[in-house]
Structure formats: C-alpha cells, structure tokens
Amino acid sequence: MARELLAGQKNSQYKIIIGKNSISQKNISSFAKGHKKLLIISDTGVPKDIIQNIVSLSKLKSKVFTVILDQGEQAKSLANFQRIINFLIDQ
C-alpha cells in the first residue's frame, strides 16, 4: 500500500507518494486533475517501463509529454533547464 507524505513549507506543500503500488490510476489522476497537458521530467536511471506506465495512466485525462535527462548531478544544469523551458514553449 502506498503512503502519502507532505513536504515543503506551509505555503507551498506538495504530496509525496511512496510505496510499491504508488503508480496507480487514483494517484496519477489526483496530480493530473484539471490539467490538459502534463510534462514528465525524468532521467535515464528510471526504468522505461515505469515512465511508460505513468504516461499511459496520465493519457486517460491529459496530453502527456516527457523529457528524459541523463542520470546524475551533471543533469542539474542551466543547459537542461533551458532545454525544458524551450520544450515547454514549443508545446
């Protein structure tokens, strides 16, 4: 069973779902609710089947895009930030 935690400050808290069955229609729907488009940002360390599962569940409610970055600290760069911003502008 998945466990829900809240993280962040009071004004900007967000939910973290942890557990073996955390990727479910119920959990994905709560994030996608009210959004016509979603962007999933991940890295090459996350198995492709997990990303595809999230995309498939999200497509039921929204148009889904993905950006896959290289794994590791070097991915946290201004170049990748610019890549994501440019992708968003194009979409």
PDB file of N, CA and C in Angstrom:
ATOM      1  N   MET A   1       0.847  -1.187   0.000  1.00  0.00           N
ATOM      2  CA  MET A   1       0.000   0.000   0.000  1.00  0.00           C
ATOM      3  C   MET A   1       0.883   1.238   0.000  1.00  0.00           C
ATOM      4  N   ALA A   2       0.470   2.245  -0.728  1.00  0.00           N
ATOM      5  CA  ALA A   2       1.227   3.489  -0.826  1.00  0.00           C
ATOM      6  C   ALA A   2       1.005   4.355   0.411  1.00  0.00           C
ATOM      7  N   ARG A   3       2.033   5.110   0.746  1.00  0.00           N
ATOM      8  CA  ARG A   3       1.959   6.021   1.884  1.00  0.00           C
ATOM      9  C   ARG A   3       2.130   7.453   1.384  1.00  0.00           C
ATOM     10  N   GLU A   4       1.307   8.365   1.880  1.00  0.00           N
ATOM     11  CA  GLU A   4       1.365   9.767   1.477  1.00  0.00           C
ATOM     12  C   GLU A   4       2.053  10.600   2.544  1.00  0.00           C
ATOM     13  N   LEU A   5       2.959  11.465   2.099  1.00  0.00           N
ATOM     14  CA  LEU A   5       3.656  12.402   2.978  1.00  0.00           C
ATOM     15  C   LEU A   5       3.523  13.795   2.397  1.00  0.00           C
ATOM     16  N   LEU A   6       3.549  14.791   3.249  1.00  0.00           N
ATOM     17  CA  LEU A   6       3.569  16.174   2.791  1.00  0.00           C
ATOM     18  C   LEU A   6       4.974  16.725   2.995  1.00  0.00           C
ATOM     19  N   ALA A   7       5.454  17.460   2.000  1.00  0.00           N
ATOM     20  CA  ALA A   7       6.774  18.069   2.074  1.00  0.00           C
ATOM     21  C   ALA A   7       6.650  19.554   1.734  1.00  0.00           C
ATOM     22  N   GLY A   8       7.652  20.325   2.080  1.00  0.00           N
ATOM     23  CA  GLY A   8       7.659  21.749   1.758  1.00  0.00           C
ATOM     24  C   GLY A   8       7.109  22.603   2.880  1.00  0.00           C
ATOM     25  N   GLN A   9       7.127  23.894   2.632  1.00  0.00           N
ATOM     26  CA  GLN A   9       6.627  24.874   3.588  1.00  0.00           C
ATOM     27  C   GLN A   9       5.107  24.954   3.505  1.00  0.00           C
ATOM     28  N   LYS A  10       4.496  25.569   4.514  1.00  0.00           N
ATOM     29  CA  LYS A  10       3.025  25.649   4.561  1.00  0.00           C
ATOM     30  C   LYS A  10       2.426  26.238   3.294  1.00  0.00           C
ATOM     31  N   ASN A  11       3.053  27.273   2.751  1.00  0.00           N
ATOM     32  CA  ASN A  11       2.502  27.961   1.575  1.00  0.00           C
ATOM     33  C   ASN A  11       2.681  27.159   0.282  1.00  0.00           C
ATOM     34  N   SER A  12       3.619  26.223   0.286  1.00  0.00           N
ATOM     35  CA  SER A  12       3.904  25.500  -0.955  1.00  0.00           C
ATOM     36  C   SER A  12       4.120  24.005  -0.703  1.00  0.00           C
ATOM     37  N   GLN A  13       3.239  23.420   0.077  1.00  0.00           N
ATOM     38  CA  GLN A  13       3.363  21.991   0.351  1.00  0.00           C
ATOM     39  C   GLN A  13       2.964  21.166  -0.865  1.00  0.00           C
ATOM     40  N   TYR A  14       3.593  20.025  -0.969  1.00  0.00           N
ATOM     41  CA  TYR A  14       3.249  19.101  -2.040  1.00  0.00           C
ATOM     42  C   TYR A  14       3.257  17.686  -1.485  1.00  0.00           C
ATOM     43  N   LYS A  15       2.553  16.816  -2.174  1.00  0.00           N
ATOM     44  CA  LYS A  15       2.375  15.444  -1.717  1.00  0.00           C
ATOM     45  C   LYS A  15       3.443  14.544  -2.343  1.00  0.00           C
ATOM     46  N   ILE A  16       3.991  13.662  -1.533  1.00  0.00           N
ATOM     47  CA  ILE A  16       4.902  12.621  -1.996  1.00  0.00           C
ATOM     48  C   ILE A  16       4.226  11.287  -1.696  1.00  0.00           C
ATOM     49  N   ILE A  17       4.148  10.432  -2.698  1.00  0.00           N
ATOM     50  CA  ILE A  17       3.532   9.125  -2.521  1.00  0.00           C
ATOM     51  C   ILE A  17       4.626   8.078  -2.649  1.00  0.00           C
ATOM     52  N   ILE A  18       4.777   7.272  -1.603  1.00  0.00           N
ATOM     53  CA  ILE A  18       5.842   6.280  -1.551  1.00  0.00           C
ATOM     54  C   ILE A  18       5.208   4.900  -1.353  1.00  0.00           C
ATOM     55  N   GLY A  19       5.683   3.939  -2.078  1.00  0.00           N
ATOM     56  CA  GLY A  19       5.203   2.579  -1.862  1.00  0.00           C
ATOM     57  C   GLY A  19       5.242   1.755  -3.118  1.00  0.00           C
ATOM     58  N   LYS A  20       5.086   0.472  -2.933  1.00  0.00           N
ATOM     59  CA  LYS A  20       5.144  -0.472  -4.041  1.00  0.00           C
ATOM     60  C   LYS A  20       4.061  -0.210  -5.082  1.00  0.00           C
ATOM     61  N   ASN A  21       2.891   0.177  -4.660  1.00  0.00           N
ATOM     62  CA  ASN A  21       1.770   0.409  -5.577  1.00  0.00           C
ATOM     63  C   ASN A  21       1.448   1.891  -5.732  1.00  0.00           C
ATOM     64  N   SER A  22       2.472   2.729  -5.663  1.00  0.00           N
ATOM     65  CA  SER A  22       2.225   4.168  -5.710  1.00  0.00           C
ATOM     66  C   SER A  22       1.854   4.665  -7.110  1.00  0.00           C
ATOM     67  N   ILE A  23       2.242   3.927  -8.143  1.00  0.00           N
ATOM     68  CA  ILE A  23       1.864   4.312  -9.505  1.00  0.00           C
ATOM     69  C   ILE A  23       0.534   3.636  -9.815  1.00  0.00           C
ATOM     70  N   SER A  24      -0.543   4.395  -9.613  1.00  0.00           N
ATOM     71  CA  SER A  24      -1.890   3.869  -9.833  1.00  0.00           C
ATOM     72  C   SER A  24      -2.745   4.942 -10.496  1.00  0.00           C
ATOM     73  N   GLN A  25      -3.855   4.520 -11.068  1.00  0.00           N
ATOM     74  CA  GLN A  25      -4.772   5.481 -11.697  1.00  0.00           C
ATOM     75  C   GLN A  25      -5.240   6.519 -10.688  1.00  0.00           C
ATOM     76  N   LYS A  26      -5.538   6.084  -9.474  1.00  0.00           N
ATOM     77  CA  LYS A  26      -6.006   7.010  -8.438  1.00  0.00           C
ATOM     78  C   LYS A  26      -4.966   8.092  -8.149  1.00  0.00           C
ATOM     79  N   ASN A  27      -3.721   7.689  -7.936  1.00  0.00           N
ATOM     80  CA  ASN A  27      -2.676   8.660  -7.603  1.00  0.00           C
ATOM     81  C   ASN A  27      -2.325   9.564  -8.779  1.00  0.00           C
ATOM     82  N   ILE A  28      -2.251   8.992  -9.965  1.00  0.00           N
ATOM     83  CA  ILE A  28      -1.937   9.801 -11.154  1.00  0.00           C
ATOM     84  C   ILE A  28      -3.073  10.784 -11.420  1.00  0.00           C
ATOM     85  N   SER A  29      -4.308  10.357 -11.273  1.00  0.00           N
ATOM     86  CA  SER A  29      -5.462  11.237 -11.521  1.00  0.00           C
ATOM     87  C   SER A  29      -5.461  12.445 -10.600  1.00  0.00           C
ATOM     88  N   SER A  30      -5.024  12.254  -9.361  1.00  0.00           N
ATOM     89  CA  SER A  30      -5.016  13.394  -8.436  1.00  0.00           C
ATOM     90  C   SER A  30      -4.015  14.454  -8.874  1.00  0.00           C
ATOM     91  N   PHE A  31      -2.911  14.044  -9.498  1.00  0.00           N
ATOM     92  CA  PHE A  31      -1.937  15.014  -9.990  1.00  0.00           C
ATOM     93  C   PHE A  31      -2.384  15.653 -11.302  1.00  0.00           C
ATOM     94  N   ALA A  32      -3.054  14.869 -12.143  1.00  0.00           N
ATOM     95  CA  ALA A  32      -3.453  15.334 -13.465  1.00  0.00           C
ATOM     96  C   ALA A  32      -4.762  16.116 -13.458  1.00  0.00           C
ATOM     97  N   LYS A  33      -5.488  16.047 -12.358  1.00  0.00           N
ATOM     98  CA  LYS A  33      -6.810  16.659 -12.279  1.00  0.00           C
ATOM     99  C   LYS A  33      -6.775  18.134 -12.700  1.00  0.00           C
ATOM    100  N   GLY A  34      -7.616  18.472 -13.666  1.00  0.00           N
ATOM    101  CA  GLY A  34      -7.753  19.849 -14.101  1.00  0.00           C
ATOM    102  C   GLY A  34      -6.679  20.323 -15.067  1.00  0.00           C
ATOM    103  N   HIS A  35      -5.806  19.434 -15.512  1.00  0.00           N
ATOM    104  CA  HIS A  35      -4.738  19.821 -16.435  1.00  0.00           C
ATOM    105  C   HIS A  35      -4.930  19.104 -17.769  1.00  0.00           C
ATOM    106  N   LYS A  36      -4.844  19.864 -18.841  1.00  0.00           N
ATOM    107  CA  LYS A  36      -4.988  19.280 -20.167  1.00  0.00           C
ATOM    108  C   LYS A  36      -3.665  18.744 -20.704  1.00  0.00           C
ATOM    109  N   LYS A  37      -2.569  19.294 -20.195  1.00  0.00           N
ATOM    110  CA  LYS A  37      -1.238  18.854 -20.620  1.00  0.00           C
ATOM    111  C   LYS A  37      -0.373  18.605 -19.393  1.00  0.00           C
ATOM    112  N   LEU A  38       0.460  17.560 -19.479  1.00  0.00           N
ATOM    113  CA  LEU A  38       1.390  17.232 -18.403  1.00  0.00           C
ATOM    114  C   LEU A  38       2.779  17.040 -18.990  1.00  0.00           C
ATOM    115  N   LEU A  39       3.784  17.431 -18.230  1.00  0.00           N
ATOM    116  CA  LEU A  39       5.168  17.183 -18.604  1.00  0.00           C
ATOM    117  C   LEU A  39       5.797  16.321 -17.523  1.00  0.00           C
ATOM    118  N   ILE A  40       6.309  15.187 -17.926  1.00  0.00           N
ATOM    119  CA  ILE A  40       7.023  14.300 -17.019  1.00  0.00           C
ATOM    120  C   ILE A  40       8.506  14.498 -17.285  1.00  0.00           C
ATOM    121  N   ILE A  41       9.237  14.905 -16.255  1.00  0.00           N
ATOM    122  CA  ILE A  41      10.685  15.062 -16.361  1.00  0.00           C
ATOM    123  C   ILE A  41      11.312  13.948 -15.537  1.00  0.00           C
ATOM    124  N   SER A  42      12.148  13.157 -16.188  1.00  0.00           N
ATOM    125  CA  SER A  42      12.786  12.035 -15.518  1.00  0.00           C
ATOM    126  C   SER A  42      14.235  11.954 -15.976  1.00  0.00           C
ATOM    127  N   ASP A  43      14.911  10.889 -15.534  1.00  0.00           N
ATOM    128  CA  ASP A  43      16.279  10.678 -16.006  1.00  0.00           C
ATOM    129  C   ASP A  43      16.456   9.232 -16.442  1.00  0.00           C
ATOM    130  N   THR A  44      17.603   8.955 -17.035  1.00  0.00           N
ATOM    131  CA  THR A  44      17.860   7.632 -17.598  1.00  0.00           C
ATOM    132  C   THR A  44      17.994   6.548 -16.529  1.00  0.00           C
ATOM    133  N   GLY A  45      18.014   6.934 -15.261  1.00  0.00           N
ATOM    134  CA  GLY A  45      18.083   5.962 -14.175  1.00  0.00           C
ATOM    135  C   GLY A  45      16.741   5.339 -13.834  1.00  0.00           C
ATOM    136  N   VAL A  46      15.662   5.945 -14.316  1.00  0.00           N
ATOM    137  CA  VAL A  46      14.325   5.405 -14.068  1.00  0.00           C
ATOM    138  C   VAL A  46      13.995   4.432 -15.200  1.00  0.00           C
ATOM    139  N   PRO A  47      13.633   3.195 -14.872  1.00  0.00           N
ATOM    140  CA  PRO A  47      13.315   2.220 -15.920  1.00  0.00           C
ATOM    141  C   PRO A  47      12.220   2.735 -16.865  1.00  0.00           C
ATOM    142  N   LYS A  48      12.419   2.473 -18.154  1.00  0.00           N
ATOM    143  CA  LYS A  48      11.484   2.953 -19.182  1.00  0.00           C
ATOM    144  C   LYS A  48      10.061   2.449 -18.964  1.00  0.00           C
ATOM    145  N   ASP A  49       9.914   1.234 -18.438  1.00  0.00           N
ATOM    146  CA  ASP A  49       8.563   0.699 -18.245  1.00  0.00           C
ATOM    147  C   ASP A  49       7.804   1.468 -17.162  1.00  0.00           C
ATOM    148  N   ILE A  50       8.504   2.002 -16.192  1.00  0.00           N
ATOM    149  CA  ILE A  50       7.845   2.824 -15.158  1.00  0.00           C
ATOM    150  C   ILE A  50       7.364   4.129 -15.766  1.00  0.00           C
ATOM    151  N   ILE A  51       8.208   4.760 -16.568  1.00  0.00           N
ATOM    152  CA  ILE A  51       7.815   6.015 -17.223  1.00  0.00           C
ATOM    153  C   ILE A  51       6.627   5.758 -18.150  1.00  0.00           C
ATOM    154  N   GLN A  52       6.675   4.672 -18.926  1.00  0.00           N
ATOM    155  CA  GLN A  52       5.566   4.344 -19.826  1.00  0.00           C
ATOM    156  C   GLN A  52       4.274   4.084 -19.068  1.00  0.00           C
ATOM    157  N   ASN A  53       4.370   3.454 -17.923  1.00  0.00           N
ATOM    158  CA  ASN A  53       3.190   3.205 -17.098  1.00  0.00           C
ATOM    159  C   ASN A  53       2.567   4.530 -16.651  1.00  0.00           C
ATOM    160  N   ILE A  54       3.387   5.453 -16.204  1.00  0.00           N
ATOM    161  CA  ILE A  54       2.897   6.769 -15.778  1.00  0.00           C
ATOM    162  C   ILE A  54       2.284   7.509 -16.960  1.00  0.00           C
ATOM    163  N   VAL A  55       2.945   7.462 -18.104  1.00  0.00           N
ATOM    164  CA  VAL A  55       2.414   8.124 -19.309  1.00  0.00           C
ATOM    165  C   VAL A  55       1.066   7.520 -19.683  1.00  0.00           C
ATOM    166  N   SER A  56       0.966   6.195 -19.680  1.00  0.00           N
ATOM    167  CA  SER A  56      -0.292   5.534 -20.049  1.00  0.00           C
ATOM    168  C   SER A  56      -1.427   5.921 -19.117  1.00  0.00           C
ATOM    169  N   LEU A  57      -1.162   5.931 -17.820  1.00  0.00           N
ATOM    170  CA  LEU A  57      -2.197   6.309 -16.854  1.00  0.00           C
ATOM    171  C   LEU A  57      -2.580   7.775 -16.987  1.00  0.00           C
ATOM    172  N   SER A  58      -1.614   8.621 -17.292  1.00  0.00           N
ATOM    173  CA  SER A  58      -1.876  10.066 -17.415  1.00  0.00           C
ATOM    174  C   SER A  58      -2.638  10.405 -18.681  1.00  0.00           C
ATOM    175  N   LYS A  59      -2.425   9.645 -19.749  1.00  0.00           N
ATOM    176  CA  LYS A  59      -3.071   9.926 -21.033  1.00  0.00           C
ATOM    177  C   LYS A  59      -4.584   9.805 -20.971  1.00  0.00           C
ATOM    178  N   LEU A  60      -5.089   9.124 -19.957  1.00  0.00           N
ATOM    179  CA  LEU A  60      -6.536   8.988 -19.833  1.00  0.00           C
ATOM    180  C   LEU A  60      -7.199  10.330 -19.564  1.00  0.00           C
ATOM    181  N   LYS A  61      -6.442  11.284 -18.994  1.00  0.00           N
ATOM    182  CA  LYS A  61      -7.001  12.584 -18.624  1.00  0.00           C
ATOM    183  C   LYS A  61      -6.332  13.752 -19.349  1.00  0.00           C
ATOM    184  N   SER A  62      -5.098  13.582 -19.832  1.00  0.00           N
ATOM    185  CA  SER A  62      -4.313  14.698 -20.329  1.00  0.00           C
ATOM    186  C   SER A  62      -3.445  14.281 -21.506  1.00  0.00           C
ATOM    187  N   LYS A  63      -2.959  15.280 -22.237  1.00  0.00           N
ATOM    188  CA  LYS A  63      -1.927  15.061 -23.233  1.00  0.00           C
ATOM    189  C   LYS A  63      -0.605  15.070 -22.474  1.00  0.00           C
ATOM    190  N   VAL A  64       0.247  14.075 -22.709  1.00  0.00           N
ATOM    191  CA  VAL A  64       1.445  13.898 -21.896  1.00  0.00           C
ATOM    192  C   VAL A  64       2.705  14.026 -22.745  1.00  0.00           C
ATOM    193  N   PHE A  65       3.665  14.762 -22.226  1.00  0.00           N
ATOM    194  CA  PHE A  65       4.971  14.925 -22.840  1.00  0.00           C
ATOM    195  C   PHE A  65       6.031  14.446 -21.849  1.00  0.00           C
ATOM    196  N   THR A  66       7.161  14.007 -22.374  1.00  0.00           N
ATOM    197  CA  THR A  66       8.246  13.597 -21.490  1.00  0.00           C
ATOM    198  C   THR A  66       9.555  14.242 -21.924  1.00  0.00           C
ATOM    199  N   VAL A  67      10.378  14.540 -20.944  1.00  0.00           N
ATOM    200  CA  VAL A  67      11.762  14.953 -21.165  1.00  0.00           C
ATOM    201  C   VAL A  67      12.603  14.030 -20.295  1.00  0.00           C
ATOM    202  N   ILE A  68      13.520  13.316 -20.928  1.00  0.00           N
ATOM    203  CA  ILE A  68      14.386  12.391 -20.206  1.00  0.00           C
ATOM    204  C   ILE A  68      15.803  12.957 -20.222  1.00  0.00           C
ATOM    205  N   LEU A  69      16.319  13.206 -19.036  1.00  0.00           N
ATOM    206  CA  LEU A  69      17.663  13.755 -18.883  1.00  0.00           C
ATOM    207  C   LEU A  69      18.638  12.635 -18.549  1.00  0.00           C
ATOM    208  N   ASP A  70      19.934  12.908 -18.747  1.00  0.00           N
ATOM    209  CA  ASP A  70      20.951  11.957 -18.315  1.00  0.00           C
ATOM    210  C   ASP A  70      20.909  11.845 -16.800  1.00  0.00           C
ATOM    211  N   GLN A  71      21.292  10.691 -16.309  1.00  0.00           N
ATOM    212  CA  GLN A  71      21.297  10.453 -14.873  1.00  0.00           C
ATOM    213  C   GLN A  71      22.513  11.126 -14.241  1.00  0.00           C
ATOM    214  N   GLY A  72      22.326  11.656 -13.040  1.00  0.00           N
ATOM    215  CA  GLY A  72      23.451  12.191 -12.278  1.00  0.00           C
ATOM    216  C   GLY A  72      23.351  13.681 -12.022  1.00  0.00           C
ATOM    217  N   GLU A  73      24.245  14.153 -11.186  1.00  0.00           N
ATOM    218  CA  GLU A  73      24.257  15.560 -10.782  1.00  0.00           C
ATOM    219  C   GLU A  73      24.482  16.508 -11.957  1.00  0.00           C
ATOM    220  N   GLN A  74      25.225  16.077 -12.977  1.00  0.00           N
ATOM    221  CA  GLN A  74      25.505  16.942 -14.121  1.00  0.00           C
ATOM    222  C   GLN A  74      24.227  17.314 -14.877  1.00  0.00           C
ATOM    223  N   ALA A  75      23.165  16.552 -14.670  1.00  0.00           N
ATOM    224  CA  ALA A  75      21.888  16.859 -15.332  1.00  0.00           C
ATOM    225  C   ALA A  75      21.232  18.101 -14.745  1.00  0.00           C
ATOM    226  N   LYS A  76      21.643  18.467 -13.535  1.00  0.00           N
ATOM    227  CA  LYS A  76      21.089  19.664 -12.885  1.00  0.00           C
ATOM    228  C   LYS A  76      21.883  20.871 -13.360  1.00  0.00           C
ATOM    229  N   SER A  77      21.588  21.281 -14.594  1.00  0.00           N
ATOM    230  CA  SER A  77      22.374  22.346 -15.220  1.00  0.00           C
ATOM    231  C   SER A  77      21.468  23.396 -15.846  1.00  0.00           C
ATOM    232  N   LEU A  78      22.035  24.558 -16.090  1.00  0.00           N
ATOM    233  CA  LEU A  78      21.292  25.606 -16.787  1.00  0.00           C
ATOM    234  C   LEU A  78      20.942  25.175 -18.204  1.00  0.00           C
ATOM    235  N   ALA A  79      21.813  24.401 -18.827  1.00  0.00           N
ATOM    236  CA  ALA A  79      21.540  23.922 -20.190  1.00  0.00           C
ATOM    237  C   ALA A  79      20.293  23.042 -20.216  1.00  0.00           C
ATOM    238  N   ASN A  80      20.162  22.140 -19.244  1.00  0.00           N
ATOM    239  CA  ASN A  80      18.964  21.298 -19.193  1.00  0.00           C
ATOM    240  C   ASN A  80      17.730  22.091 -18.796  1.00  0.00           C
ATOM    241  N   PHE A  81      17.895  23.072 -17.924  1.00  0.00           N
ATOM    242  CA  PHE A  81      16.772  23.945 -17.581  1.00  0.00           C
ATOM    243  C   PHE A  81      16.286  24.667 -18.834  1.00  0.00           C
ATOM    244  N   GLN A  82      17.226  25.183 -19.620  1.00  0.00           N
ATOM    245  CA  GLN A  82      16.872  25.868 -20.866  1.00  0.00           C
ATOM    246  C   GLN A  82      16.208  24.890 -21.839  1.00  0.00           C
ATOM    247  N   ARG A  83      16.708  23.672 -21.897  1.00  0.00           N
ATOM    248  CA  ARG A  83      16.111  22.645 -22.761  1.00  0.00           C
ATOM    249  C   ARG A  83      14.649  22.408 -22.390  1.00  0.00           C
ATOM    250  N   ILE A  84      14.366  22.319 -21.097  1.00  0.00           N
ATOM    251  CA  ILE A  84      12.995  22.099 -20.633  1.00  0.00           C
ATOM    252  C   ILE A  84      12.116  23.298 -20.944  1.00  0.00           C
ATOM    253  N   ILE A  85      12.617  24.499 -20.684  1.00  0.00           N
ATOM    254  CA  ILE A  85      11.846  25.718 -20.985  1.00  0.00           C
ATOM    255  C   ILE A  85      11.540  25.799 -22.474  1.00  0.00           C
ATOM    256  N   ASN A  86      12.535  25.546 -23.319  1.00  0.00           N
ATOM    257  CA  ASN A  86      12.319  25.574 -24.772  1.00  0.00           C
ATOM    258  C   ASN A  86      11.303  24.523 -25.203  1.00  0.00           C
ATOM    259  N   PHE A  87      11.359  23.358 -24.602  1.00  0.00           N
ATOM    260  CA  PHE A  87      10.388  22.309 -24.912  1.00  0.00           C
ATOM    261  C   PHE A  87       8.984  22.776 -24.564  1.00  0.00           C
ATOM    262  N   LEU A  88       8.836  23.387 -23.379  1.00  0.00           N
ATOM    263  CA  LEU A  88       7.530  23.894 -22.958  1.00  0.00           C
ATOM    264  C   LEU A  88       7.011  24.969 -23.923  1.00  0.00           C
ATOM    265  N   ILE A  89       7.895  25.840 -24.343  1.00  0.00           N
ATOM    266  CA  ILE A  89       7.495  26.898 -25.281  1.00  0.00           C
ATOM    267  C   ILE A  89       7.015  26.275 -26.589  1.00  0.00           C
ATOM    268  N   ASP A  90       7.729  25.262 -27.070  1.00  0.00           N
ATOM    269  CA  ASP A  90       7.361  24.603 -28.326  1.00  0.00           C
ATOM    270  C   ASP A  90       6.022  23.879 -28.235  1.00  0.00           C
ATOM    271  N   GLN A  91       5.664  23.429 -27.049  1.00  0.00           N
ATOM    272  CA  GLN A  91       4.428  22.683 -26.874  1.00  0.00           C
ATOM    273  C   GLN A  91       3.276  23.607 -26.562  1.00  0.00           C
TER     274      GLN A  91
END
